[in-house]
PDB file of all heavy atoms in Angstrom:
ATOM      1  N   VAL A   1     -95.410-139.916  40.143  1.00  0.00           N
ATOM      2  CA  VAL A   1     -95.312-139.259  41.445  1.00  0.00           C
ATOM      3  C   VAL A   1     -94.581-137.936  41.254  1.00  0.00           C
ATOM      4  O   VAL A   1     -93.402-137.911  40.903  1.00  0.00           O
ATOM      5  CB  VAL A   1     -94.574-140.143  42.464  1.00  0.00           C
ATOM      6  CG1 VAL A   1     -94.532-139.445  43.826  1.00  0.00           C
ATOM      7  CG2 VAL A   1     -95.268-141.497  42.595  1.00  0.00           C
ATOM      8  N   GLY A   2     -95.287-136.846  41.470  1.00  0.00           N
ATOM      9  CA  GLY A   2     -94.716-135.520  41.283  1.00  0.00           C
ATOM     10  C   GLY A   2     -95.512-134.728  40.272  1.00  0.00           C
ATOM     11  O   GLY A   2     -95.598-135.117  39.100  1.00  0.00           O
ATOM     12  N   GLY A   3     -96.102-133.628  40.719  1.00  0.00           N
ATOM     13  CA  GLY A   3     -96.915-132.806  39.836  1.00  0.00           C
ATOM     14  C   GLY A   3     -96.228-131.538  39.379  1.00  0.00           C
ATOM     15  O   GLY A   3     -96.881-130.537  39.090  1.00  0.00           O
ATOM     16  N   GLY A   4     -94.893-131.593  39.301  1.00  0.00           N
ATOM     17  CA  GLY A   4     -94.160-130.473  38.728  1.00  0.00           C
ATOM     18  C   GLY A   4     -94.188-130.546  37.213  1.00  0.00           C
ATOM     19  O   GLY A   4     -94.949-131.326  36.623  1.00  0.00           O
ATOM     20  N   ALA A   5     -93.351-129.737  36.566  1.00  0.00           N
ATOM     21  CA  ALA A   5     -93.354-129.687  35.099  1.00  0.00           C
ATOM     22  C   ALA A   5     -93.057-131.048  34.487  1.00  0.00           C
ATOM     23  O   ALA A   5     -93.724-131.473  33.539  1.00  0.00           O
ATOM     24  CB  ALA A   5     -92.334-128.652  34.624  1.00  0.00           C
ATOM     25  N   THR A   6     -92.074-131.781  35.036  1.00  0.00           N
ATOM     26  CA  THR A   6     -91.719-133.082  34.471  1.00  0.00           C
ATOM     27  C   THR A   6     -92.878-134.058  34.544  1.00  0.00           C
ATOM     28  O   THR A   6     -93.215-134.734  33.569  1.00  0.00           O
ATOM     29  CB  THR A   6     -90.495-133.662  35.208  1.00  0.00           C
ATOM     30  OG1 THR A   6     -89.383-132.783  35.045  1.00  0.00           O
ATOM     31  CG2 THR A   6     -90.138-135.030  34.654  1.00  0.00           C
ATOM     32  N   GLY A   7     -93.523-134.151  35.722  1.00  0.00           N
ATOM     33  CA  GLY A   7     -94.625-135.081  35.881  1.00  0.00           C
ATOM     34  C   GLY A   7     -95.818-134.745  35.011  1.00  0.00           C
ATOM     35  O   GLY A   7     -96.428-135.633  34.390  1.00  0.00           O
ATOM     36  N   VAL A   8     -96.168-133.463  34.941  1.00  0.00           N
ATOM     37  CA  VAL A   8     -97.310-133.044  34.142  1.00  0.00           C
ATOM     38  C   VAL A   8     -97.050-133.283  32.654  1.00  0.00           C
ATOM     39  O   VAL A   8     -97.909-133.798  31.922  1.00  0.00           O
ATOM     40  CB  VAL A   8     -97.630-131.561  34.411  1.00  0.00           C
ATOM     41  CG1 VAL A   8     -98.635-131.014  33.401  1.00  0.00           C
ATOM     42  CG2 VAL A   8     -98.159-131.392  35.828  1.00  0.00           C
ATOM     43  N   GLU A   9     -95.858-132.920  32.182  1.00  0.00           N
ATOM     44  CA  GLU A   9     -95.537-133.117  30.768  1.00  0.00           C
ATOM     45  C   GLU A   9     -95.510-134.594  30.406  1.00  0.00           C
ATOM     46  O   GLU A   9     -95.978-134.992  29.334  1.00  0.00           O
ATOM     47  CB  GLU A   9     -94.195-132.452  30.454  1.00  0.00           C
ATOM     48  CG  GLU A   9     -94.263-130.935  30.471  1.00  0.00           C
ATOM     49  CD  GLU A   9     -92.936-130.270  30.162  1.00  0.00           C
ATOM     50  OE1 GLU A   9     -91.883-130.925  30.320  1.00  0.00           O
ATOM     51  OE2 GLU A   9     -92.954-129.092  29.757  1.00  0.00           O
ATOM     52  N   LEU A  10     -94.963-135.418  31.283  1.00  0.00           N
ATOM     53  CA  LEU A  10     -94.920-136.849  31.008  1.00  0.00           C
ATOM     54  C   LEU A  10     -96.324-137.434  30.949  1.00  0.00           C
ATOM     55  O   LEU A  10     -96.625-138.249  30.065  1.00  0.00           O
ATOM     56  CB  LEU A  10     -94.083-137.560  32.069  1.00  0.00           C
ATOM     57  CG  LEU A  10     -93.975-139.085  31.926  1.00  0.00           C
ATOM     58  CD1 LEU A  10     -93.335-139.459  30.595  1.00  0.00           C
ATOM     59  CD2 LEU A  10     -93.196-139.681  33.082  1.00  0.00           C
ATOM     60  N   ALA A  11     -97.202-137.049  31.857  1.00  0.00           N
ATOM     61  CA  ALA A  11     -98.567-137.564  31.852  1.00  0.00           C
ATOM     62  C   ALA A  11     -99.280-137.220  30.547  1.00  0.00           C
ATOM     63  O   ALA A  11     -99.931-138.078  29.927  1.00  0.00           O
ATOM     64  CB  ALA A  11     -99.336-136.996  33.046  1.00  0.00           C
ATOM     65  N   ALA A  12     -99.164-135.965  30.115  1.00  0.00           N
ATOM     66  CA  ALA A  12     -99.819-135.539  28.875  1.00  0.00           C
ATOM     67  C   ALA A  12     -99.236-136.271  27.675  1.00  0.00           C
ATOM     68  O   ALA A  12     -99.969-136.689  26.765  1.00  0.00           O
ATOM     69  CB  ALA A  12     -99.679-134.026  28.709  1.00  0.00           C
ATOM     70  N   GLU A  13     -97.926-136.455  27.668  1.00  0.00           N
ATOM     71  CA  GLU A  13     -97.277-137.131  26.547  1.00  0.00           C
ATOM     72  C   GLU A  13     -97.633-138.612  26.511  1.00  0.00           C
ATOM     73  O   GLU A  13     -97.820-139.193  25.431  1.00  0.00           O
ATOM     74  CB  GLU A  13     -95.763-136.955  26.636  1.00  0.00           C
ATOM     75  CG  GLU A  13     -95.020-137.182  25.332  1.00  0.00           C
ATOM     76  CD  GLU A  13     -95.357-136.156  24.272  1.00  0.00           C
ATOM     77  OE1 GLU A  13     -95.429-134.957  24.587  1.00  0.00           O
ATOM     78  OE2 GLU A  13     -95.546-136.567  23.099  1.00  0.00           O
ATOM     79  N   LEU A  14     -97.753-139.248  27.672  1.00  0.00           N
ATOM     80  CA  LEU A  14     -98.160-140.655  27.720  1.00  0.00           C
ATOM     81  C   LEU A  14     -99.572-140.824  27.181  1.00  0.00           C
ATOM     82  O   LEU A  14     -99.868-141.786  26.456  1.00  0.00           O
ATOM     83  CB  LEU A  14     -98.073-141.181  29.154  1.00  0.00           C
ATOM     84  CG  LEU A  14     -96.676-141.501  29.691  1.00  0.00           C
ATOM     85  CD1 LEU A  14     -96.747-141.824  31.176  1.00  0.00           C
ATOM     86  CD2 LEU A  14     -96.059-142.664  28.921  1.00  0.00           C
ATOM     87  N   ASN A  15    -100.453-139.914  27.538  1.00  0.00           N
ATOM     88  CA  ASN A  15    -101.816-139.974  27.026  1.00  0.00           C
ATOM     89  C   ASN A  15    -101.831-139.886  25.505  1.00  0.00           C
ATOM     90  O   ASN A  15    -102.528-140.655  24.823  1.00  0.00           O
ATOM     91  CB  ASN A  15    -102.634-138.842  27.645  1.00  0.00           C
ATOM     92  CG  ASN A  15    -104.036-138.754  27.074  1.00  0.00           C
ATOM     93  OD1 ASN A  15    -104.290-137.982  26.142  1.00  0.00           O
ATOM     94  ND2 ASN A  15    -104.953-139.535  27.614  1.00  0.00           N
ATOM     95  N   HIS A  16    -101.045-138.964  24.961  1.00  0.00           N
ATOM     96  CA  HIS A  16    -100.963-138.825  23.505  1.00  0.00           C
ATOM     97  C   HIS A  16    -100.374-140.082  22.873  1.00  0.00           C
ATOM     98  O   HIS A  16    -100.853-140.547  21.823  1.00  0.00           O
ATOM     99  CB  HIS A  16    -100.117-137.604  23.150  1.00  0.00           C
ATOM    100  CG  HIS A  16     -99.853-137.458  21.680  1.00  0.00           C
ATOM    101  ND1 HIS A  16    -100.840-137.144  20.774  1.00  0.00           N
ATOM    102  CD2 HIS A  16     -98.708-137.611  20.953  1.00  0.00           C
ATOM    103  CE1 HIS A  16    -100.321-137.085  19.563  1.00  0.00           C
ATOM    104  NE2 HIS A  16     -99.037-137.373  19.639  1.00  0.00           N
ATOM    105  N   THR A  17     -99.378-140.680  23.512  1.00  0.00           N
ATOM    106  CA  THR A  17     -98.754-141.885  22.988  1.00  0.00           C
ATOM    107  C   THR A  17     -99.739-143.037  22.915  1.00  0.00           C
ATOM    108  O   THR A  17     -99.780-143.789  21.930  1.00  0.00           O
ATOM    109  CB  THR A  17     -97.555-142.283  23.866  1.00  0.00           C
ATOM    110  OG1 THR A  17     -96.556-141.262  23.768  1.00  0.00           O
ATOM    111  CG2 THR A  17     -96.956-143.608  23.426  1.00  0.00           C
ATOM    112  N   MET A  18    -100.554-143.200  23.951  1.00  0.00           N
ATOM    113  CA  MET A  18    -101.542-144.277  23.942  1.00  0.00           C
ATOM    114  C   MET A  18    -102.528-144.107  22.790  1.00  0.00           C
ATOM    115  O   MET A  18    -102.951-145.079  22.155  1.00  0.00           O
ATOM    116  CB  MET A  18    -102.284-144.306  25.276  1.00  0.00           C
ATOM    117  CG  MET A  18    -101.428-144.723  26.467  1.00  0.00           C
ATOM    118  SD  MET A  18    -100.755-146.410  26.295  1.00  0.00           S
ATOM    119  CE  MET A  18     -99.007-146.033  26.116  1.00  0.00           C
ATOM    120  N   ARG A  19    -102.911-142.868  22.504  1.00  0.00           N
ATOM    121  CA  ARG A  19    -103.825-142.613  21.385  1.00  0.00           C
ATOM    122  C   ARG A  19    -103.150-142.923  20.047  1.00  0.00           C
ATOM    123  O   ARG A  19    -103.775-143.499  19.142  1.00  0.00           O
ATOM    124  CB  ARG A  19    -104.297-141.155  21.425  1.00  0.00           C
ATOM    125  CG  ARG A  19    -105.143-140.833  22.652  1.00  0.00           C
ATOM    126  CD  ARG A  19    -105.570-139.365  22.690  1.00  0.00           C
ATOM    127  NE  ARG A  19    -106.285-139.057  23.909  1.00  0.00           N
ATOM    128  CZ  ARG A  19    -107.584-139.274  24.093  1.00  0.00           C
ATOM    129  NH1 ARG A  19    -108.307-139.769  23.091  1.00  0.00           N
ATOM    130  NH2 ARG A  19    -108.168-138.981  25.233  1.00  0.00           N
ATOM    131  N   GLU A  20    -101.884-142.552  19.916  1.00  0.00           N
ATOM    132  CA  GLU A  20    -101.156-142.846  18.683  1.00  0.00           C
ATOM    133  C   GLU A  20    -100.999-144.351  18.496  1.00  0.00           C
ATOM    134  O   GLU A  20    -101.152-144.875  17.384  1.00  0.00           O
ATOM    135  CB  GLU A  20     -99.779-142.177  18.720  1.00  0.00           C
ATOM    136  CG  GLU A  20     -99.810-140.657  18.637  1.00  0.00           C
ATOM    137  CD  GLU A  20    -100.013-140.157  17.222  1.00  0.00           C
ATOM    138  OE1 GLU A  20    -100.099-140.993  16.301  1.00  0.00           O
ATOM    139  OE2 GLU A  20    -100.089-138.928  17.032  1.00  0.00           O
ATOM    140  N   LEU A  21    -100.676-145.065  19.568  1.00  0.00           N
ATOM    141  CA  LEU A  21    -100.523-146.519  19.472  1.00  0.00           C
ATOM    142  C   LEU A  21    -101.822-147.171  19.017  1.00  0.00           C
ATOM    143  O   LEU A  21    -101.823-148.137  18.242  1.00  0.00           O
ATOM    144  CB  LEU A  21    -100.090-147.092  20.820  1.00  0.00           C
ATOM    145  CG  LEU A  21     -98.642-146.833  21.245  1.00  0.00           C
ATOM    146  CD1 LEU A  21     -98.394-147.386  22.649  1.00  0.00           C
ATOM    147  CD2 LEU A  21     -97.657-147.461  20.264  1.00  0.00           C
ATOM    148  N   HIS A  22    -102.942-146.659  19.485  1.00  0.00           N
ATOM    149  CA  HIS A  22    -104.237-147.202  19.078  1.00  0.00           C
ATOM    150  C   HIS A  22    -104.456-146.986  17.581  1.00  0.00           C
ATOM    151  O   HIS A  22    -104.968-147.865  16.868  1.00  0.00           O
ATOM    152  CB  HIS A  22    -105.348-146.535  19.891  1.00  0.00           C
ATOM    153  CG  HIS A  22    -106.681-147.185  19.726  1.00  0.00           C
ATOM    154  ND1 HIS A  22    -106.923-148.508  20.047  1.00  0.00           N
ATOM    155  CD2 HIS A  22    -107.872-146.694  19.261  1.00  0.00           C
ATOM    156  CE1 HIS A  22    -108.186-148.805  19.791  1.00  0.00           C
ATOM    157  NE2 HIS A  22    -108.779-147.721  19.312  1.00  0.00           N
ATOM    158  N   GLN A  23    -104.050-145.816  17.078  1.00  0.00           N
ATOM    159  CA  GLN A  23    -104.180-145.548  15.651  1.00  0.00           C
ATOM    160  C   GLN A  23    -103.281-146.450  14.811  1.00  0.00           C
ATOM    161  O   GLN A  23    -103.622-146.805  13.683  1.00  0.00           O
ATOM    162  CB  GLN A  23    -103.856-144.079  15.362  1.00  0.00           C
ATOM    163  CG  GLN A  23    -104.885-143.102  15.917  1.00  0.00           C
ATOM    164  CD  GLN A  23    -104.540-141.659  15.621  1.00  0.00           C
ATOM    165  OE1 GLN A  23    -103.486-141.370  15.068  1.00  0.00           O
ATOM    166  NE2 GLN A  23    -105.437-140.746  15.978  1.00  0.00           N
ATOM    167  N   TYR A  24    -102.123-146.836  15.389  1.00  0.00           N
ATOM    168  CA  TYR A  24    -101.195-147.695  14.658  1.00  0.00           C
ATOM    169  C   TYR A  24    -101.552-149.176  14.771  1.00  0.00           C
ATOM    170  O   TYR A  24    -100.778-150.038  14.370  1.00  0.00           O
ATOM    171  CB  TYR A  24     -99.768-147.477  15.169  1.00  0.00           C
ATOM    172  CG  TYR A  24     -99.163-146.167  14.713  1.00  0.00           C
ATOM    173  CD1 TYR A  24     -98.465-145.362  15.606  1.00  0.00           C
ATOM    174  CD2 TYR A  24     -99.284-145.740  13.403  1.00  0.00           C
ATOM    175  CE1 TYR A  24     -97.906-144.155  15.198  1.00  0.00           C
ATOM    176  CE2 TYR A  24     -98.728-144.541  12.985  1.00  0.00           C
ATOM    177  CZ  TYR A  24     -98.045-143.759  13.883  1.00  0.00           C
ATOM    178  OH  TYR A  24     -97.489-142.561  13.483  1.00  0.00           O
ATOM    179  N   GLY A  25    -102.706-149.476  15.349  1.00  0.00           N
ATOM    180  CA  GLY A  25    -103.160-150.860  15.364  1.00  0.00           C
ATOM    181  C   GLY A  25    -103.219-151.519  16.713  1.00  0.00           C
ATOM    182  O   GLY A  25    -103.632-152.682  16.810  1.00  0.00           O
ATOM    183  N   SER A  26    -102.814-150.842  17.765  1.00  0.00           N
ATOM    184  CA  SER A  26    -102.906-151.435  19.092  1.00  0.00           C
ATOM    185  C   SER A  26    -104.361-151.642  19.470  1.00  0.00           C
ATOM    186  O   SER A  26    -105.203-150.776  19.246  1.00  0.00           O
ATOM    187  CB  SER A  26    -102.232-150.531  20.133  1.00  0.00           C
ATOM    188  OG  SER A  26    -102.545-150.955  21.440  1.00  0.00           O
ATOM    189  N   ARG A  27    -104.667-152.794  20.074  1.00  0.00           N
ATOM    190  CA  ARG A  27    -106.026-153.076  20.527  1.00  0.00           C
ATOM    191  C   ARG A  27    -106.280-152.538  21.924  1.00  0.00           C
ATOM    192  O   ARG A  27    -107.330-152.779  22.504  1.00  0.00           O
ATOM    193  CB  ARG A  27    -106.285-154.577  20.483  1.00  0.00           C
ATOM    194  CG  ARG A  27    -106.162-155.186  19.092  1.00  0.00           C
ATOM    195  CD  ARG A  27    -106.526-156.658  19.097  1.00  0.00           C
ATOM    196  NE  ARG A  27    -106.343-157.242  17.774  1.00  0.00           N
ATOM    197  CZ  ARG A  27    -105.218-157.826  17.365  1.00  0.00           C
ATOM    198  NH1 ARG A  27    -104.194-157.901  18.191  1.00  0.00           N
ATOM    199  NH2 ARG A  27    -105.127-158.339  16.159  1.00  0.00           N
ATOM    200  N   LEU A  28    -105.295-151.811  22.452  1.00  0.00           N
ATOM    201  CA  LEU A  28    -105.433-151.218  23.780  1.00  0.00           C
ATOM    202  C   LEU A  28    -106.080-149.845  23.633  1.00  0.00           C
ATOM    203  O   LEU A  28    -105.413-148.847  23.344  1.00  0.00           O
ATOM    204  CB  LEU A  28    -104.056-151.086  24.448  1.00  0.00           C
ATOM    205  CG  LEU A  28    -104.027-150.490  25.850  1.00  0.00           C
ATOM    206  CD1 LEU A  28    -104.838-151.344  26.825  1.00  0.00           C
ATOM    207  CD2 LEU A  28    -102.594-150.353  26.339  1.00  0.00           C
ATOM    208  N   SER A  29    -107.375-149.775  23.808  1.00  0.00           N
ATOM    209  CA  SER A  29    -108.088-148.507  23.665  1.00  0.00           C
ATOM    210  C   SER A  29    -107.778-147.607  24.854  1.00  0.00           C
ATOM    211  O   SER A  29    -107.422-148.068  25.945  1.00  0.00           O
ATOM    212  CB  SER A  29    -109.590-148.747  23.569  1.00  0.00           C
ATOM    213  OG  SER A  29    -110.059-149.442  24.713  1.00  0.00           O
TER     214      SER A  29
END
């Protein structure tokens, strides 16, 4: 909730984290 710098940066970083977790063996695509 919040589309300022904090919210936007967190959303982008979470997306990157999910991709990294998948590469490290997570079955959560």
